[in-house]
PDB file of N, CA and C in Angstrom:
ATOM      1  N   MET A   1     108.373 119.637  85.063  1.00  0.00           N
ATOM      2  CA  MET A   1     109.007 118.538  85.745  1.00  0.00           C
ATOM      3  C   MET A   1     107.966 117.445  85.981  1.00  0.00           C
ATOM      4  N   ARG A   2     108.392 116.221  85.769  1.00  0.00           N
ATOM      5  CA  ARG A   2     107.500 115.093  86.016  1.00  0.00           C
ATOM      6  C   ARG A   2     107.460 114.799  87.510  1.00  0.00           C
ATOM      7  N   ARG A   3     106.262 114.621  88.020  1.00  0.00           N
ATOM      8  CA  ARG A   3     106.101 114.315  89.445  1.00  0.00           C
ATOM      9  C   ARG A   3     106.781 112.985  89.753  1.00  0.00           C
ATOM     10  N   GLY A   4     107.652 112.989  90.759  1.00  0.00           N
ATOM     11  CA  GLY A   4     108.367 111.789  91.160  1.00  0.00           C
ATOM     12  C   GLY A   4     109.729 111.641  90.515  1.00  0.00           C
ATOM     13  N   ALA A   5     110.069 112.542  89.603  1.00  0.00           N
ATOM     14  CA  ALA A   5     111.353 112.447  88.902  1.00  0.00           C
ATOM     15  C   ALA A   5     112.511 112.798  89.829  1.00  0.00           C
ATOM     16  N   GLU A   6     113.663 112.248  89.524  1.00  0.00           N
ATOM     17  CA  GLU A   6     114.887 112.554  90.257  1.00  0.00           C
ATOM     18  C   GLU A   6     115.196 114.027  90.054  1.00  0.00           C
ATOM     19  N   THR A   7     115.474 114.745  91.134  1.00  0.00           N
ATOM     20  CA  THR A   7     115.666 116.195  91.031  1.00  0.00           C
ATOM     21  C   THR A   7     116.982 116.690  91.599  1.00  0.00           C
ATOM     22  N   TRP A   8     117.845 115.810  92.074  1.00  0.00           N
ATOM     23  CA  TRP A   8     119.073 116.290  92.698  1.00  0.00           C
ATOM     24  C   TRP A   8     120.193 116.500  91.694  1.00  0.00           C
ATOM     25  N   GLY A   9     119.949 116.223  90.405  1.00  0.00           N
ATOM     26  CA  GLY A   9     120.920 116.509  89.358  1.00  0.00           C
ATOM     27  C   GLY A   9     122.011 115.475  89.220  1.00  0.00           C
ATOM     28  N   GLY A  10     121.847 114.328  89.814  1.00  0.00           N
ATOM     29  CA  GLY A  10     122.847 113.280  89.731  1.00  0.00           C
ATOM     30  C   GLY A  10     122.368 112.113  88.891  1.00  0.00           C
ATOM     31  N   ASP A  11     123.083 111.028  88.979  1.00  0.00           N
ATOM     32  CA  ASP A  11     122.747 109.806  88.259  1.00  0.00           C
ATOM     33  C   ASP A  11     122.669 108.677  89.286  1.00  0.00           C
ATOM     34  N   PRO A  12     121.494 108.462  89.871  1.00  0.00           N
ATOM     35  CA  PRO A  12     121.374 107.461  90.931  1.00  0.00           C
ATOM     36  C   PRO A  12     121.878 106.079  90.539  1.00  0.00           C
ATOM     37  N   LYS A  13     121.594 105.638  89.319  1.00  0.00           N
ATOM     38  CA  LYS A  13     122.033 104.304  88.910  1.00  0.00           C
ATOM     39  C   LYS A  13     123.554 104.227  88.900  1.00  0.00           C
ATOM     40  N   ALA A  14     124.229 105.261  88.412  1.00  0.00           N
ATOM     41  CA  ALA A  14     125.693 105.267  88.383  1.00  0.00           C
ATOM     42  C   ALA A  14     126.265 105.228  89.801  1.00  0.00           C
ATOM     43  N   VAL A  15     125.645 105.959  90.716  1.00  0.00           N
ATOM     44  CA  VAL A  15     126.112 105.965  92.105  1.00  0.00           C
ATOM     45  C   VAL A  15     125.935 104.585  92.725  1.00  0.00           C
ATOM     46  N   ILE A  16     124.797 103.965  92.475  1.00  0.00           N
ATOM     47  CA  ILE A  16     124.545 102.623  92.997  1.00  0.00           C
ATOM     48  C   ILE A  16     125.584 101.649  92.449  1.00  0.00           C
ATOM     49  N   GLU A  17     125.847 101.723  91.152  1.00  0.00           N
ATOM     50  CA  GLU A  17     126.825 100.829  90.532  1.00  0.00           C
ATOM     51  C   GLU A  17     128.226 101.065  91.098  1.00  0.00           C
ATOM     52  N   GLN A  18     128.571 102.308  91.409  1.00  0.00           N
ATOM     53  CA  GLN A  18     129.866 102.605  92.020  1.00  0.00           C
ATOM     54  C   GLN A  18     129.975 101.999  93.412  1.00  0.00           C
ATOM     55  N   LEU A  19     128.868 101.959  94.129  1.00  0.00           N
ATOM     56  CA  LEU A  19     128.865 101.355  95.465  1.00  0.00           C
ATOM     57  C   LEU A  19     129.079  99.844  95.400  1.00  0.00           C
ATOM     58  N   VAL A  20     128.384  99.192  94.492  1.00  0.00           N
ATOM     59  CA  VAL A  20     128.433  97.731  94.467  1.00  0.00           C
ATOM     60  C   VAL A  20     129.659  97.186  93.741  1.00  0.00           C
ATOM     61  N   ALA A  21     130.296  97.970  92.879  1.00  0.00           N
ATOM     62  CA  ALA A  21     131.454  97.492  92.114  1.00  0.00           C
ATOM     63  C   ALA A  21     132.571  96.962  93.010  1.00  0.00           C
ATOM     64  N   PRO A  22     132.947  97.661  94.095  1.00  0.00           N
ATOM     65  CA  PRO A  22     134.011  97.139  94.946  1.00  0.00           C
ATOM     66  C   PRO A  22     133.518  96.109  95.967  1.00  0.00           C
ATOM     67  N   GLY A  23     132.243  95.754  95.892  1.00  0.00           N
ATOM     68  CA  GLY A  23     131.721  94.729  96.781  1.00  0.00           C
ATOM     69  C   GLY A  23     130.889  95.227  97.943  1.00  0.00           C
ATOM     70  N   VAL A  24     130.527  96.495  97.951  1.00  0.00           N
ATOM     71  CA  VAL A  24     129.668  97.008  99.013  1.00  0.00           C
ATOM     72  C   VAL A  24     128.295  96.344  98.890  1.00  0.00           C
ATOM     73  N   ASP A  25     127.793  95.832  99.979  1.00  0.00           N
ATOM     74  CA  ASP A  25     126.494  95.160  99.993  1.00  0.00           C
ATOM     75  C   ASP A  25     125.402  96.207 100.213  1.00  0.00           C
ATOM     76  N   ALA A  26     125.106  96.952  99.161  1.00  0.00           N
ATOM     77  CA  ALA A  26     124.110  98.020  99.234  1.00  0.00           C
ATOM     78  C   ALA A  26     122.811  97.549  98.600  1.00  0.00           C
ATOM     79  N   HIS A  27     121.717  97.945  99.193  1.00  0.00           N
ATOM     80  CA  HIS A  27     120.395  97.642  98.647  1.00  0.00           C
ATOM     81  C   HIS A  27     119.575  98.924  98.738  1.00  0.00           C
ATOM     82  N   VAL A  28     119.393  99.573  97.617  1.00  0.00           N
ATOM     83  CA  VAL A  28     118.626 100.811  97.583  1.00  0.00           C
ATOM     84  C   VAL A  28     117.195 100.471  97.188  1.00  0.00           C
ATOM     85  N   ASN A  29     116.283 100.734  98.101  1.00  0.00           N
ATOM     86  CA  ASN A  29     114.867 100.519  97.829  1.00  0.00           C
ATOM     87  C   ASN A  29     114.224 101.866  97.540  1.00  0.00           C
ATOM     88  N   THR A  30     113.332 101.889  96.575  1.00  0.00           N
ATOM     89  CA  THR A  30     112.621 103.121  96.257  1.00  0.00           C
ATOM     90  C   THR A  30     111.126 102.910  96.436  1.00  0.00           C
ATOM     91  N   VAL A  31     110.465 103.976  96.841  1.00  0.00           N
ATOM     92  CA  VAL A  31     109.006 103.969  96.928  1.00  0.00           C
ATOM     93  C   VAL A  31     108.511 105.096  96.042  1.00  0.00           C
ATOM     94  N   GLY A  32     107.810 104.728  94.990  1.00  0.00           N
ATOM     95  CA  GLY A  32     107.200 105.722  94.107  1.00  0.00           C
ATOM     96  C   GLY A  32     105.816 106.056  94.636  1.00  0.00           C
ATOM     97  N   PHE A  33     105.624 107.278  95.074  1.00  0.00           N
ATOM     98  CA  PHE A  33     104.337 107.686  95.646  1.00  0.00           C
ATOM     99  C   PHE A  33     103.533 108.453  94.609  1.00  0.00           C
ATOM    100  N   THR A  34     102.421 107.920  94.230  1.00  0.00           N
ATOM    101  CA  THR A  34     101.506 108.457  93.216  1.00  0.00           C
ATOM    102  C   THR A  34     102.227 108.782  91.909  1.00  0.00           C
ATOM    103  N   VAL A  35     103.180 107.937  91.536  1.00  0.00           N
ATOM    104  CA  VAL A  35     103.872 108.105  90.260  1.00  0.00           C
ATOM    105  C   VAL A  35     103.027 107.426  89.189  1.00  0.00           C
ATOM    106  N   ASP A  36     102.574 108.219  88.234  1.00  0.00           N
ATOM    107  CA  ASP A  36     101.748 107.649  87.179  1.00  0.00           C
ATOM    108  C   ASP A  36     102.476 107.610  85.833  1.00  0.00           C
ATOM    109  N   ASP A  37     103.759 107.883  85.857  1.00  0.00           N
ATOM    110  CA  ASP A  37     104.587 107.890  84.653  1.00  0.00           C
ATOM    111  C   ASP A  37     105.284 106.537  84.526  1.00  0.00           C
ATOM    112  N   GLY A  38     104.897 105.757  83.522  1.00  0.00           N
ATOM    113  CA  GLY A  38     105.476 104.428  83.325  1.00  0.00           C
ATOM    114  C   GLY A  38     106.981 104.451  83.148  1.00  0.00           C
ATOM    115  N   GLN A  39     107.506 105.493  82.528  1.00  0.00           N
ATOM    116  CA  GLN A  39     108.940 105.624  82.323  1.00  0.00           C
ATOM    117  C   GLN A  39     109.672 105.769  83.666  1.00  0.00           C
ATOM    118  N   LEU A  40     109.103 106.542  84.566  1.00  0.00           N
ATOM    119  CA  LEU A  40     109.701 106.703  85.894  1.00  0.00           C
ATOM    120  C   LEU A  40     109.651 105.401  86.688  1.00  0.00           C
ATOM    121  N   LYS A  41     108.532 104.693  86.592  1.00  0.00           N
ATOM    122  CA  LYS A  41     108.426 103.416  87.292  1.00  0.00           C
ATOM    123  C   LYS A  41     109.488 102.447  86.795  1.00  0.00           C
ATOM    124  N   THR A  42     109.719 102.438  85.486  1.00  0.00           N
ATOM    125  CA  THR A  42     110.764 101.591  84.904  1.00  0.00           C
ATOM    126  C   THR A  42     112.132 102.012  85.420  1.00  0.00           C
ATOM    127  N   GLN A  43     112.367 103.312  85.497  1.00  0.00           N
ATOM    128  CA  GLN A  43     113.641 103.822  85.995  1.00  0.00           C
ATOM    129  C   GLN A  43     113.873 103.385  87.438  1.00  0.00           C
ATOM    130  N   PHE A  44     112.866 103.462  88.280  1.00  0.00           N
ATOM    131  CA  PHE A  44     112.994 103.037  89.668  1.00  0.00           C
ATOM    132  C   PHE A  44     113.331 101.547  89.753  1.00  0.00           C
ATOM    133  N   ARG A  45     112.705 100.730  88.903  1.00  0.00           N
ATOM    134  CA  ARG A  45     112.999  99.293  88.896  1.00  0.00           C
ATOM    135  C   ARG A  45     114.436  99.029  88.447  1.00  0.00           C
ATOM    136  N   GLU A  46     114.926  99.814  87.483  1.00  0.00           N
ATOM    137  CA  GLU A  46     116.315  99.661  87.028  1.00  0.00           C
ATOM    138  C   GLU A  46     117.292  99.993  88.148  1.00  0.00           C
ATOM    139  N   TRP A  47     117.012 101.050  88.909  1.00  0.00           N
ATOM    140  CA  TRP A  47     117.871 101.395  90.042  1.00  0.00           C
ATOM    141  C   TRP A  47     117.887 100.244  91.042  1.00  0.00           C
ATOM    142  N   ALA A  48     116.737  99.683  91.298  1.00  0.00           N
ATOM    143  CA  ALA A  48     116.642  98.585  92.262  1.00  0.00           C
ATOM    144  C   ALA A  48     117.418  97.364  91.774  1.00  0.00           C
ATOM    145  N   ARG A  49     117.330  97.049  90.496  1.00  0.00           N
ATOM    146  CA  ARG A  49     118.051  95.892  89.962  1.00  0.00           C
ATOM    147  C   ARG A  49     119.566  96.075  90.013  1.00  0.00           C
ATOM    148  N   ALA A  50     120.027  97.308  90.014  1.00  0.00           N
ATOM    149  CA  ALA A  50     121.475  97.577  90.010  1.00  0.00           C
ATOM    150  C   ALA A  50     122.158  97.065  91.272  1.00  0.00           C
ATOM    151  N   ASP A  51     121.403  96.882  92.353  1.00  0.00           N
ATOM    152  CA  ASP A  51     122.023  96.450  93.611  1.00  0.00           C
ATOM    153  C   ASP A  51     121.155  95.480  94.408  1.00  0.00           C
ATOM    154  N   ASN A  52     120.280  94.782  93.732  1.00  0.00           N
ATOM    155  CA  ASN A  52     119.376  93.829  94.395  1.00  0.00           C
ATOM    156  C   ASN A  52     118.431  94.490  95.380  1.00  0.00           C
ATOM    157  N   GLY A  53     118.142  95.761  95.160  1.00  0.00           N
ATOM    158  CA  GLY A  53     117.125  96.451  95.953  1.00  0.00           C
ATOM    159  C   GLY A  53     115.749  96.142  95.375  1.00  0.00           C
ATOM    160  N   GLN A  54     114.773  96.876  95.823  1.00  0.00           N
ATOM    161  CA  GLN A  54     113.405  96.689  95.341  1.00  0.00           C
ATOM    162  C   GLN A  54     112.758  98.037  95.088  1.00  0.00           C
ATOM    163  N   ALA A  55     111.840  98.044  94.155  1.00  0.00           N
ATOM    164  CA  ALA A  55     111.051  99.236  93.871  1.00  0.00           C
ATOM    165  C   ALA A  55     109.605  98.943  94.248  1.00  0.00           C
ATOM    166  N   PHE A  56     109.018  99.844  95.006  1.00  0.00           N
ATOM    167  CA  PHE A  56     107.641  99.688  95.457  1.00  0.00           C
ATOM    168  C   PHE A  56     106.810 100.834  94.921  1.00  0.00           C
ATOM    169  N   ASP A  57     105.550 100.553  94.665  1.00  0.00           N
ATOM    170  CA  ASP A  57     104.645 101.555  94.125  1.00  0.00           C
ATOM    171  C   ASP A  57     103.526 101.799  95.124  1.00  0.00           C
ATOM    172  N   ALA A  58     103.362 103.038  95.501  1.00  0.00           N
ATOM    173  CA  ALA A  58     102.261 103.428  96.382  1.00  0.00           C
ATOM    174  C   ALA A  58     101.365 104.357  95.578  1.00  0.00           C
ATOM    175  N   SER A  59     100.232 103.850  95.173  1.00  0.00           N
ATOM    176  CA  SER A  59      99.364 104.633  94.300  1.00  0.00           C
ATOM    177  C   SER A  59      98.575 105.695  95.053  1.00  0.00           C
ATOM    178  N   GLY A  60      98.580 105.625  96.354  1.00  0.00           N
ATOM    179  CA  GLY A  60      97.890 106.621  97.164  1.00  0.00           C
ATOM    180  C   GLY A  60      98.321 106.493  98.606  1.00  0.00           C
ATOM    181  N   SER A  61      97.745 107.322  99.444  1.00  0.00           N
ATOM    182  CA  SER A  61      98.161 107.336 100.846  1.00  0.00           C
ATOM    183  C   SER A  61      97.894 106.007 101.549  1.00  0.00           C
ATOM    184  N   ALA A  62      96.863 105.293 101.128  1.00  0.00           N
ATOM    185  CA  ALA A  62      96.552 104.009 101.761  1.00  0.00           C
ATOM    186  C   ALA A  62      97.653 102.982 101.493  1.00  0.00           C
ATOM    187  N   ASP A  63      98.340 103.089 100.358  1.00  0.00           N
ATOM    188  CA  ASP A  63      99.406 102.157 100.003  1.00  0.00           C
ATOM    189  C   ASP A  63     100.764 102.561 100.570  1.00  0.00           C
ATOM    190  N   LEU A  64     100.905 103.813 100.969  1.00  0.00           N
ATOM    191  CA  LEU A  64     102.210 104.329 101.350  1.00  0.00           C
ATOM    192  C   LEU A  64     102.792 103.622 102.570  1.00  0.00           C
ATOM    193  N   ARG A  65     101.998 103.374 103.573  1.00  0.00           N
ATOM    194  CA  ARG A  65     102.501 102.733 104.789  1.00  0.00           C
ATOM    195  C   ARG A  65     103.055 101.329 104.463  1.00  0.00           C
ATOM    196  N   GLY A  66     102.309 100.551 103.709  1.00  0.00           N
ATOM    197  CA  GLY A  66     102.762  99.207 103.361  1.00  0.00           C
ATOM    198  C   GLY A  66     104.018  99.229 102.508  1.00  0.00           C
ATOM    199  N   ALA A  67     104.066 100.134 101.536  1.00  0.00           N
ATOM    200  CA  ALA A  67     105.242 100.229 100.675  1.00  0.00           C
ATOM    201  C   ALA A  67     106.463 100.656 101.476  1.00  0.00           C
ATOM    202  N   GLY A  68     106.276 101.626 102.367  1.00  0.00           N
ATOM    203  CA  GLY A  68     107.382 102.074 103.209  1.00  0.00           C
ATOM    204  C   GLY A  68     107.881 100.983 104.130  1.00  0.00           C
ATOM    205  N   THR A  69     106.969 100.227 104.703  1.00  0.00           N
ATOM    206  CA  THR A  69     107.346  99.112 105.574  1.00  0.00           C
ATOM    207  C   THR A  69     108.125  98.069 104.799  1.00  0.00           C
ATOM    208  N   GLN A  70     107.662  97.738 103.608  1.00  0.00           N
ATOM    209  CA  GLN A  70     108.364  96.748 102.788  1.00  0.00           C
ATOM    210  C   GLN A  70     109.745  97.256 102.387  1.00  0.00           C
ATOM    211  N   ALA A  71     109.855  98.533 102.086  1.00  0.00           N
ATOM    212  CA  ALA A  71     111.128  99.096 101.657  1.00  0.00           C
ATOM    213  C   ALA A  71     112.162  99.049 102.772  1.00  0.00           C
ATOM    214  N   LEU A  72     111.697  99.185 104.006  1.00  0.00           N
ATOM    215  CA  LEU A  72     112.621  99.147 105.139  1.00  0.00           C
ATOM    216  C   LEU A  72     112.984  97.728 105.468  1.00  0.00           C
TER     217      LEU A  72
END
């Protein structure tokens, strides 16, 4: 398993799109913590674009607080 990969067995982008289709004002922000897989980072950005959310990258513990604050 790739560290940081989605593990709940669903399709987050599809769920986000289902929320926004009827007009729900949803903004899903993601924080990738020590994700070094470019494919996963791209996936997180795609999820964020699906509902005008944002994707943040925390490359280590020093970045986590700032990324979490921005995500909230």
